[in-house]
Amino acid sequence: MTSTIIKTDGRAIVLDLSSGAQLCGKDVAGIDAAELGDLITRTMSDAGTAFSFGRYAEPRDLYSNDNFASGDSEESRTIHMGIDVFCAADTPVYAPLDATCEFVANNAQELDYGPMVILRHQSESADAFYTLYGHLGMETLDRISAGQAIRAGEQIASVGTPPTNGNWPPHLHFQLINDLLGLGVDFPGVALKSQQDYWLSLSPSPAKFFPECDPALLEYA
């Protein structure tokens, strides 16, 4: 049984951030972090909640800088490989399972993870797997360290704020990873559409970690 990663208010909604989507009647593509954050906050307020989810495997037009370019083609990475939890900055983030901290880093480049954590999980009957937490608060860098044992339900981080969280609206990017491929803190959170089957096989849906929401709503169809 897993522990809660972020304690929502039980009324969280699922956002549509897919290519061509709008929030409050405005296109979400091509706007800056502050405006996107305002639109998300308004959408949540209108729904009577302070929490919302962003979908797994969703194709998005939000990834606008060279971080998401492919070196050998004109294609950019657009397929979101985790689930987002939008909420107030400083919201606590908890480990869902017993773990060892594999990495703590600050990927400070614009629209990157910002402060981030990767935990390694191991059971006696299964291979190791990993969970990745992106766009965290700066205090996370002093809260835990690589090699540290983590108990399920222990606070490992808090939700960050722009610009230090990669310059995104406050949210947690949570990703499940079967194999890090030796990439460590550079494991991508967004994939090329032409390679999505491969990358999504390495990062399967983490919807099971958010039982308060119907898994079908958390996965782009």
C-alpha atoms as a PDB file:
ATOM      1  CA  MET A   1       0.000   0.000   0.000  1.00  0.00           C
ATOM      2  CA  THR A   2       1.369   3.412  -0.967  1.00  0.00           C
ATOM      3  CA  SER A   3       1.378   6.602   1.073  1.00  0.00           C
ATOM      4  CA  THR A   4      -0.049   9.860  -0.235  1.00  0.00           C
ATOM      5  CA  ILE A   5       2.404  11.949  -2.277  1.00  0.00           C
ATOM      6  CA  ILE A   6       0.481  15.225  -2.016  1.00  0.00           C
ATOM      7  CA  LYS A   7      -2.533  15.625   0.256  1.00  0.00           C
ATOM      8  CA  THR A   8      -5.217  17.176  -1.943  1.00  0.00           C
ATOM      9  CA  ASP A   9      -8.563  18.578  -0.820  1.00  0.00           C
ATOM     10  CA  GLY A  10     -10.519  15.713  -2.392  1.00  0.00           C
ATOM     11  CA  ARG A  11     -11.943  17.980  -5.092  1.00  0.00           C
ATOM     12  CA  ALA A  12      -8.978  18.102  -7.492  1.00  0.00           C
ATOM     13  CA  ILE A  13      -9.811  18.473 -11.172  1.00  0.00           C
ATOM     14  CA  VAL A  14      -7.969  17.193 -14.252  1.00  0.00           C
ATOM     15  CA  LEU A  15      -6.692  19.876 -16.622  1.00  0.00           C
ATOM     16  CA  ASP A  16      -6.512  19.678 -20.394  1.00  0.00           C
ATOM     17  CA  LEU A  17      -3.078  21.009 -21.343  1.00  0.00           C
ATOM     18  CA  SER A  18      -2.901  19.159 -24.646  1.00  0.00           C
ATOM     19  CA  SER A  19      -1.962  20.695 -27.976  1.00  0.00           C
ATOM     20  CA  GLY A  20      -4.559  23.318 -28.936  1.00  0.00           C
ATOM     21  CA  ALA A  21      -6.155  23.386 -25.459  1.00  0.00           C
ATOM     22  CA  GLN A  22      -7.509  26.495 -23.758  1.00  0.00           C
ATOM     23  CA  LEU A  23      -7.962  27.524 -20.139  1.00  0.00           C
ATOM     24  CA  CYS A  24     -10.522  30.234 -19.356  1.00  0.00           C
ATOM     25  CA  GLY A  25     -10.945  30.721 -23.113  1.00  0.00           C
ATOM     26  CA  LYS A  26      -7.245  31.399 -23.765  1.00  0.00           C
ATOM     27  CA  ASP A  27      -4.769  29.223 -25.655  1.00  0.00           C
ATOM     28  CA  VAL A  28      -2.195  27.715 -23.272  1.00  0.00           C
ATOM     29  CA  ALA A  29       0.522  27.469 -25.933  1.00  0.00           C
ATOM     30  CA  GLY A  30       2.990  30.329 -26.191  1.00  0.00           C
ATOM     31  CA  ILE A  31       2.248  32.032 -22.867  1.00  0.00           C
ATOM     32  CA  ASP A  32       4.717  32.601 -20.044  1.00  0.00           C
ATOM     33  CA  ALA A  33       4.807  30.872 -16.667  1.00  0.00           C
ATOM     34  CA  ALA A  34       3.049  33.703 -14.831  1.00  0.00           C
ATOM     35  CA  GLU A  35       0.088  33.807 -17.203  1.00  0.00           C
ATOM     36  CA  LEU A  36      -0.188  30.023 -17.354  1.00  0.00           C
ATOM     37  CA  GLY A  37      -0.143  29.929 -13.561  1.00  0.00           C
ATOM     38  CA  ASP A  38      -2.879  32.548 -13.383  1.00  0.00           C
ATOM     39  CA  LEU A  39      -5.060  30.587 -15.801  1.00  0.00           C
ATOM     40  CA  ILE A  40      -4.559  27.351 -13.845  1.00  0.00           C
ATOM     41  CA  THR A  41      -5.343  29.107 -10.560  1.00  0.00           C
ATOM     42  CA  ARG A  42      -8.521  30.647 -12.042  1.00  0.00           C
ATOM     43  CA  THR A  43      -9.619  27.282 -13.425  1.00  0.00           C
ATOM     44  CA  MET A  44      -9.120  25.609 -10.047  1.00  0.00           C
ATOM     45  CA  SER A  45     -10.874  28.441  -8.209  1.00  0.00           C
ATOM     46  CA  ASP A  46     -13.866  28.229 -10.549  1.00  0.00           C
ATOM     47  CA  ALA A  47     -14.069  24.503  -9.733  1.00  0.00           C
ATOM     48  CA  GLY A  48     -13.866  25.123  -5.983  1.00  0.00           C
ATOM     49  CA  THR A  49     -10.504  23.439  -5.452  1.00  0.00           C
ATOM     50  CA  ALA A  50      -6.853  24.316  -4.833  1.00  0.00           C
ATOM     51  CA  PHE A  51      -5.512  21.252  -6.664  1.00  0.00           C
ATOM     52  CA  SER A  52      -5.472  19.924 -10.202  1.00  0.00           C
ATOM     53  CA  PHE A  53      -3.782  17.182 -12.193  1.00  0.00           C
ATOM     54  CA  GLY A  54      -1.953  17.266 -15.515  1.00  0.00           C
ATOM     55  CA  ARG A  55      -2.222  14.105 -17.584  1.00  0.00           C
ATOM     56  CA  TYR A  56       0.242  11.344 -18.414  1.00  0.00           C
ATOM     57  CA  ALA A  57       1.158  10.804 -22.107  1.00  0.00           C
ATOM     58  CA  GLU A  58      -0.447  14.116 -23.036  1.00  0.00           C
ATOM     59  CA  PRO A  59       0.907  15.873 -26.169  1.00  0.00           C
ATOM     60  CA  ARG A  60       1.631  19.492 -25.246  1.00  0.00           C
ATOM     61  CA  ASP A  61       2.707  22.723 -26.920  1.00  0.00           C
ATOM     62  CA  LEU A  62       4.093  24.147 -23.669  1.00  0.00           C
ATOM     63  CA  TYR A  63       7.676  23.067 -24.254  1.00  0.00           C
ATOM     64  CA  SER A  64       8.978  25.986 -26.244  1.00  0.00           C
ATOM     65  CA  ASN A  65      12.731  26.318 -25.769  1.00  0.00           C
ATOM     66  CA  ASP A  66      15.828  24.497 -27.011  1.00  0.00           C
ATOM     67  CA  ASN A  67      15.730  22.036 -24.076  1.00  0.00           C
ATOM     68  CA  PHE A  68      13.038  20.157 -25.955  1.00  0.00           C
ATOM     69  CA  ALA A  69      14.615  20.195 -29.415  1.00  0.00           C
ATOM     70  CA  SER A  70      15.886  17.035 -31.071  1.00  0.00           C
ATOM     71  CA  GLY A  71      19.496  17.300 -32.140  1.00  0.00           C
ATOM     72  CA  ASP A  72      19.068  15.452 -35.422  1.00  0.00           C
ATOM     73  CA  SER A  73      15.634  16.574 -36.616  1.00  0.00           C
ATOM     74  CA  GLU A  74      13.197  19.487 -36.475  1.00  0.00           C
ATOM     75  CA  GLU A  75      10.912  17.530 -34.140  1.00  0.00           C
ATOM     76  CA  SER A  76      10.570  18.777 -30.553  1.00  0.00           C
ATOM     77  CA  ARG A  77       9.714  16.740 -27.471  1.00  0.00           C
ATOM     78  CA  THR A  78       6.017  17.147 -26.636  1.00  0.00           C
ATOM     79  CA  ILE A  79       4.769  13.952 -24.892  1.00  0.00           C
ATOM     80  CA  HIS A  80       4.468  14.395 -21.122  1.00  0.00           C
ATOM     81  CA  MET A  81       5.821  11.309 -19.322  1.00  0.00           C
ATOM     82  CA  GLY A  82       4.537  11.946 -15.801  1.00  0.00           C
ATOM     83  CA  ILE A  83       1.555  13.264 -13.885  1.00  0.00           C
ATOM     84  CA  ASP A  84       1.493  16.848 -12.632  1.00  0.00           C
ATOM     85  CA  VAL A  85      -0.105  18.025  -9.401  1.00  0.00           C
ATOM     86  CA  PHE A  86      -0.750  21.776  -9.527  1.00  0.00           C
ATOM     87  CA  CYS A  87      -1.123  23.370  -6.100  1.00  0.00           C
ATOM     88  CA  ALA A  88       0.264  26.141  -3.913  1.00  0.00           C
ATOM     89  CA  ALA A  89       4.008  26.615  -3.591  1.00  0.00           C
ATOM     90  CA  ASP A  90       5.466  25.065  -0.411  1.00  0.00           C
ATOM     91  CA  THR A  91       2.900  22.241  -0.393  1.00  0.00           C
ATOM     92  CA  PRO A  92       4.650  19.234   1.220  1.00  0.00           C
ATOM     93  CA  VAL A  93       5.671  16.287  -0.969  1.00  0.00           C
ATOM     94  CA  TYR A  94       5.874  12.837   0.645  1.00  0.00           C
ATOM     95  CA  ALA A  95       7.510   9.547  -0.371  1.00  0.00           C
ATOM     96  CA  PRO A  96       4.866   7.025  -1.444  1.00  0.00           C
ATOM     97  CA  LEU A  97       7.010   3.981  -0.570  1.00  0.00           C
ATOM     98  CA  ASP A  98      10.109   3.062   1.365  1.00  0.00           C
ATOM     99  CA  ALA A  99      13.105   4.111  -0.711  1.00  0.00           C
ATOM    100  CA  THR A 100      16.724   5.129  -0.958  1.00  0.00           C
ATOM    101  CA  CYS A 101      17.467   8.584  -2.301  1.00  0.00           C
ATOM    102  CA  GLU A 102      19.316   8.012  -5.565  1.00  0.00           C
ATOM    103  CA  PHE A 103      19.818  11.627  -6.678  1.00  0.00           C
ATOM    104  CA  VAL A 104      19.161  15.166  -5.501  1.00  0.00           C
ATOM    105  CA  ALA A 105      20.016  17.945  -7.947  1.00  0.00           C
ATOM    106  CA  ASN A 106      19.116  21.380  -9.220  1.00  0.00           C
ATOM    107  CA  ASN A 107      18.523  21.272 -12.986  1.00  0.00           C
ATOM    108  CA  ALA A 108      18.404  25.045 -13.138  1.00  0.00           C
ATOM    109  CA  GLN A 109      18.137  25.558 -16.892  1.00  0.00           C
ATOM    110  CA  GLU A 110      14.981  27.387 -18.049  1.00  0.00           C
ATOM    111  CA  LEU A 111      11.973  25.003 -18.253  1.00  0.00           C
ATOM    112  CA  ASP A 112      14.009  22.130 -16.779  1.00  0.00           C
ATOM    113  CA  TYR A 113      13.175  20.271 -13.545  1.00  0.00           C
ATOM    114  CA  GLY A 114      14.667  22.867 -11.202  1.00  0.00           C
ATOM    115  CA  PRO A 115      15.312  21.179  -7.846  1.00  0.00           C
ATOM    116  CA  MET A 116      14.517  17.499  -8.275  1.00  0.00           C
ATOM    117  CA  VAL A 117      14.776  14.133  -6.529  1.00  0.00           C
ATOM    118  CA  ILE A 118      14.952  10.549  -7.765  1.00  0.00           C
ATOM    119  CA  LEU A 119      14.125   7.765  -5.290  1.00  0.00           C
ATOM    120  CA  ARG A 120      15.025   4.096  -5.769  1.00  0.00           C
ATOM    121  CA  HIS A 121      12.536   1.482  -4.612  1.00  0.00           C
ATOM    122  CA  GLN A 122      13.300  -2.198  -4.146  1.00  0.00           C
ATOM    123  CA  SER A 123      11.181  -5.157  -3.074  1.00  0.00           C
ATOM    124  CA  GLU A 124      12.271  -8.727  -2.444  1.00  0.00           C
ATOM    125  CA  SER A 125      10.124 -10.042  -5.287  1.00  0.00           C
ATOM    126  CA  ALA A 126      10.735  -7.434  -8.006  1.00  0.00           C
ATOM    127  CA  ASP A 127      13.428  -5.451  -9.761  1.00  0.00           C
ATOM    128  CA  ALA A 128      14.274  -1.959  -8.593  1.00  0.00           C
ATOM    129  CA  PHE A 129      12.312   0.962  -9.985  1.00  0.00           C
ATOM    130  CA  TYR A 130      12.479   4.717  -9.518  1.00  0.00           C
ATOM    131  CA  THR A 131      10.216   7.682  -8.857  1.00  0.00           C
ATOM    132  CA  LEU A 132      11.159  11.187 -10.014  1.00  0.00           C
ATOM    133  CA  TYR A 133       9.968  14.440  -8.432  1.00  0.00           C
ATOM    134  CA  GLY A 134      10.501  17.677 -10.359  1.00  0.00           C
ATOM    135  CA  HIS A 135       9.941  21.443  -9.870  1.00  0.00           C
ATOM    136  CA  LEU A 136      10.594  21.329  -6.142  1.00  0.00           C
ATOM    137  CA  GLY A 137      11.429  24.026  -3.621  1.00  0.00           C
ATOM    138  CA  MET A 138      15.041  25.030  -3.040  1.00  0.00           C
ATOM    139  CA  GLU A 139      14.864  23.757   0.542  1.00  0.00           C
ATOM    140  CA  THR A 140      14.701  20.237  -0.899  1.00  0.00           C
ATOM    141  CA  LEU A 141      18.409  20.421  -1.714  1.00  0.00           C
ATOM    142  CA  ASP A 142      19.181  20.539   2.017  1.00  0.00           C
ATOM    143  CA  ARG A 143      16.379  18.275   3.215  1.00  0.00           C
ATOM    144  CA  ILE A 144      17.625  14.941   1.855  1.00  0.00           C
ATOM    145  CA  SER A 145      20.812  13.606   0.273  1.00  0.00           C
ATOM    146  CA  ALA A 146      21.875  10.775  -2.021  1.00  0.00           C
ATOM    147  CA  GLY A 147      22.113   7.446  -0.213  1.00  0.00           C
ATOM    148  CA  GLN A 148      19.670   8.449   2.516  1.00  0.00           C
ATOM    149  CA  ALA A 149      17.053   5.887   3.556  1.00  0.00           C
ATOM    150  CA  ILE A 150      13.503   7.237   3.192  1.00  0.00           C
ATOM    151  CA  ARG A 151      10.394   5.831   4.835  1.00  0.00           C
ATOM    152  CA  ALA A 152       6.975   5.772   3.176  1.00  0.00           C
ATOM    153  CA  GLY A 153       5.051   8.866   4.230  1.00  0.00           C
ATOM    154  CA  GLU A 154       8.188  10.885   5.039  1.00  0.00           C
ATOM    155  CA  GLN A 155       8.314  14.414   3.665  1.00  0.00           C
ATOM    156  CA  ILE A 156      11.047  14.601   1.046  1.00  0.00           C
ATOM    157  CA  ALA A 157      10.400  17.996  -0.513  1.00  0.00           C
ATOM    158  CA  SER A 158       8.006  20.853  -1.084  1.00  0.00           C
ATOM    159  CA  VAL A 159       6.484  22.258  -4.256  1.00  0.00           C
ATOM    160  CA  GLY A 160       8.661  24.994  -5.720  1.00  0.00           C
ATOM    161  CA  THR A 161       7.884  28.403  -7.149  1.00  0.00           C
ATOM    162  CA  PRO A 162       9.062  30.185 -10.289  1.00  0.00           C
ATOM    163  CA  PRO A 163      11.660  31.029 -11.350  1.00  0.00           C
ATOM    164  CA  THR A 164      13.722  28.608  -9.222  1.00  0.00           C
ATOM    165  CA  ASN A 165      11.531  25.558  -9.978  1.00  0.00           C
ATOM    166  CA  GLY A 166      12.503  25.619 -13.654  1.00  0.00           C
ATOM    167  CA  ASN A 167      10.235  28.650 -14.126  1.00  0.00           C
ATOM    168  CA  TRP A 168       6.944  26.768 -14.177  1.00  0.00           C
ATOM    169  CA  PRO A 169       3.664  27.447 -12.346  1.00  0.00           C
ATOM    170  CA  PRO A 170       3.892  25.765  -8.927  1.00  0.00           C
ATOM    171  CA  HIS A 171       3.358  22.034  -9.328  1.00  0.00           C
ATOM    172  CA  LEU A 172       4.916  18.639  -8.771  1.00  0.00           C
ATOM    173  CA  HIS A 173       5.990  16.591 -11.781  1.00  0.00           C
ATOM    174  CA  PHE A 174       5.848  12.940 -10.676  1.00  0.00           C
ATOM    175  CA  GLN A 175       7.226  10.208 -12.903  1.00  0.00           C
ATOM    176  CA  LEU A 176       7.616   6.440 -12.621  1.00  0.00           C
ATOM    177  CA  ILE A 177      10.772   4.982 -14.214  1.00  0.00           C
ATOM    178  CA  ASN A 178      11.654   1.334 -14.764  1.00  0.00           C
ATOM    179  CA  ASP A 179      15.214   1.926 -16.016  1.00  0.00           C
ATOM    180  CA  LEU A 180      17.242   5.137 -15.747  1.00  0.00           C
ATOM    181  CA  LEU A 181      19.474   4.061 -18.650  1.00  0.00           C
ATOM    182  CA  GLY A 182      22.414   5.617 -16.840  1.00  0.00           C
ATOM    183  CA  LEU A 183      20.945   9.097 -17.482  1.00  0.00           C
ATOM    184  CA  GLY A 184      20.517   9.944 -13.808  1.00  0.00           C
ATOM    185  CA  VAL A 185      19.127  13.441 -13.239  1.00  0.00           C
ATOM    186  CA  ASP A 186      18.995  14.009 -17.007  1.00  0.00           C
ATOM    187  CA  PHE A 187      16.291  11.375 -17.549  1.00  0.00           C
ATOM    188  CA  PRO A 188      13.679  13.178 -19.652  1.00  0.00           C
ATOM    189  CA  GLY A 189      10.207  14.093 -18.490  1.00  0.00           C
ATOM    190  CA  VAL A 190       9.000  14.790 -22.038  1.00  0.00           C
ATOM    191  CA  ALA A 191       9.476  12.547 -25.101  1.00  0.00           C
ATOM    192  CA  LEU A 192       9.465  12.877 -28.865  1.00  0.00           C
ATOM    193  CA  LYS A 193       6.149  11.773 -30.335  1.00  0.00           C
ATOM    194  CA  SER A 194       8.039   9.611 -32.854  1.00  0.00           C
ATOM    195  CA  GLN A 195       9.649   7.725 -29.926  1.00  0.00           C
ATOM    196  CA  GLN A 196       6.804   7.795 -27.433  1.00  0.00           C
ATOM    197  CA  ASP A 197       6.198   4.039 -27.351  1.00  0.00           C
ATOM    198  CA  TYR A 198       9.802   3.430 -26.292  1.00  0.00           C
ATOM    199  CA  TRP A 199       9.937   6.155 -23.657  1.00  0.00           C
ATOM    200  CA  LEU A 200       6.493   5.445 -22.225  1.00  0.00           C
ATOM    201  CA  SER A 201       7.496   1.794 -21.830  1.00  0.00           C
ATOM    202  CA  LEU A 202      10.348   3.014 -19.618  1.00  0.00           C
ATOM    203  CA  SER A 203       8.055   5.446 -17.789  1.00  0.00           C
ATOM    204  CA  PRO A 204       4.665   3.741 -17.460  1.00  0.00           C
ATOM    205  CA  SER A 205       1.623   5.547 -16.119  1.00  0.00           C
ATOM    206  CA  PRO A 206       1.938   6.496 -12.432  1.00  0.00           C
ATOM    207  CA  ALA A 207      -1.830   6.919 -12.059  1.00  0.00           C
ATOM    208  CA  LYS A 208      -1.956   4.219  -9.370  1.00  0.00           C
ATOM    209  CA  PHE A 209      -0.111   6.596  -7.035  1.00  0.00           C
ATOM    210  CA  PHE A 210      -3.124   8.956  -7.097  1.00  0.00           C
ATOM    211  CA  PRO A 211      -6.074   6.735  -6.080  1.00  0.00           C
ATOM    212  CA  GLU A 212      -8.293   9.766  -5.362  1.00  0.00           C
ATOM    213  CA  CYS A 213      -8.708  10.216  -9.139  1.00  0.00           C
ATOM    214  CA  ASP A 214     -10.015   7.831 -11.798  1.00  0.00           C
ATOM    215  CA  PRO A 215      -6.902   6.503 -13.612  1.00  0.00           C
ATOM    216  CA  ALA A 216      -8.662   6.891 -16.959  1.00  0.00           C
ATOM    217  CA  LEU A 217      -8.884  10.654 -16.363  1.00  0.00           C
ATOM    218  CA  LEU A 218      -5.179  10.928 -15.563  1.00  0.00           C
ATOM    219  CA  GLU A 219      -4.070   9.338 -18.837  1.00  0.00           C
ATOM    220  CA  TYR A 220      -4.351  11.037 -22.207  1.00  0.00           C
ATOM    221  CA  ALA A 221      -6.517   8.999 -24.570  1.00  0.00           C
END
